[in-house]
Amino acid sequence: MTTLAWIGWQEILLICLVLVIIFGKRLPEVGRSLGRGLVEFKKGLSGVKESIEESGNESDESHQSAEQSDKEA
């Protein structure tokens, strides 16, 4: 059983109406802000992923060069 199984279409409609009443004309602004925040979050995640991959590549390269220097000695 899902955790939100008790929410039906009537409850979702009621929540949407309450949001429209509370935010009114600011609702597009709120949506834009949430969208921008989500984009920034995704950019941050991709930056972290790239830095992890780069550090993994650097450690692989240093490991390979250490193996080569051991073979030469």
Protein backbone atom coordinates (compact mmCIF):
# COMPACT_ATOMS: atom_id res chain seq x y z
CA MET A 1 0.00 0.00 0.00
CA THR A 2 1.39 3.40 -0.96
CA THR A 3 1.63 6.17 1.59
CA LEU A 4 -0.51 8.60 -0.40
CA ALA A 5 -3.19 6.09 -1.33
CA TRP A 6 -5.74 7.91 0.80
CA ILE A 7 -5.53 11.10 -1.30
CA GLY A 8 -8.20 11.11 -3.96
CA TRP A 9 -8.92 13.52 -6.78
CA GLN A 10 -11.23 15.57 -4.57
CA GLU A 11 -8.49 16.20 -2.03
CA ILE A 12 -6.00 17.15 -4.75
CA LEU A 13 -8.55 19.57 -6.21
CA LEU A 14 -9.15 21.09 -2.78
CA ILE A 15 -5.39 21.53 -2.21
CA CYS A 16 -5.03 23.22 -5.60
CA LEU A 17 -7.92 25.58 -4.86
CA VAL A 18 -6.40 26.50 -1.49
CA LEU A 19 -3.06 27.21 -3.19
CA VAL A 20 -4.75 29.43 -5.77
CA ILE A 21 -6.58 31.32 -3.02
CA ILE A 22 -3.43 31.76 -0.92
CA PHE A 23 -1.00 32.69 -3.70
CA GLY A 24 -3.43 34.21 -6.20
CA LYS A 25 -1.58 36.27 -8.78
CA ARG A 26 1.79 35.30 -7.33
CA LEU A 27 1.37 31.65 -8.34
CA PRO A 28 3.29 32.04 -11.64
CA GLU A 29 6.12 33.73 -9.70
CA VAL A 30 6.21 30.87 -7.21
CA GLY A 31 6.30 28.32 -10.04
CA ARG A 32 9.13 30.20 -11.75
CA SER A 33 11.11 30.36 -8.51
CA LEU A 34 10.66 26.65 -7.91
CA GLY A 35 11.75 25.92 -11.48
CA ARG A 36 14.88 28.05 -11.15
CA GLY A 37 15.71 26.40 -7.85
CA LEU A 38 15.34 22.98 -9.41
CA VAL A 39 17.62 23.94 -12.31
CA GLU A 40 20.28 25.24 -9.91
CA PHE A 41 20.02 22.06 -7.86
CA LYS A 42 20.52 19.92 -10.98
CA LYS A 43 23.53 22.03 -12.01
CA GLY A 44 25.03 21.54 -8.57
CA LEU A 45 24.52 17.79 -8.74
CA SER A 46 26.12 17.55 -12.17
CA GLY A 47 29.07 19.62 -10.93
CA VAL A 48 29.57 17.28 -8.00
CA LYS A 49 29.29 14.26 -10.29
CA GLU A 50 31.91 15.71 -12.66
CA SER A 51 34.32 16.46 -9.82
CA ILE A 52 33.92 12.92 -8.48
CA GLU A 53 34.59 11.47 -11.93
CA GLU A 54 37.64 13.73 -12.37
CA SER A 55 39.07 12.71 -9.02
CA GLY A 56 38.49 9.07 -9.91
CA ASN A 57 40.30 9.54 -13.21
CA GLU A 58 43.21 11.30 -11.50
CA SER A 59 43.61 8.51 -8.96
CA ASP A 60 43.51 5.91 -11.76
CA GLU A 61 46.20 7.80 -13.66
CA SER A 62 48.42 8.14 -10.59
CA HIS A 63 47.93 4.45 -9.81
CA GLN A 64 48.90 3.49 -13.37
CA SER A 65 51.99 5.73 -13.33
CA ALA A 66 53.05 4.22 -9.98
CA GLU A 67 52.71 0.73 -11.46
CA GLN A 68 54.81 1.74 -14.48
CA SER A 69 57.56 3.19 -12.28
CA ASP A 70 57.57 -0.03 -10.21
CA LYS A 71 57.98 -2.11 -13.38
CA GLU A 72 60.86 0.06 -14.57
CA ALA A 73 62.73 -0.23 -11.27
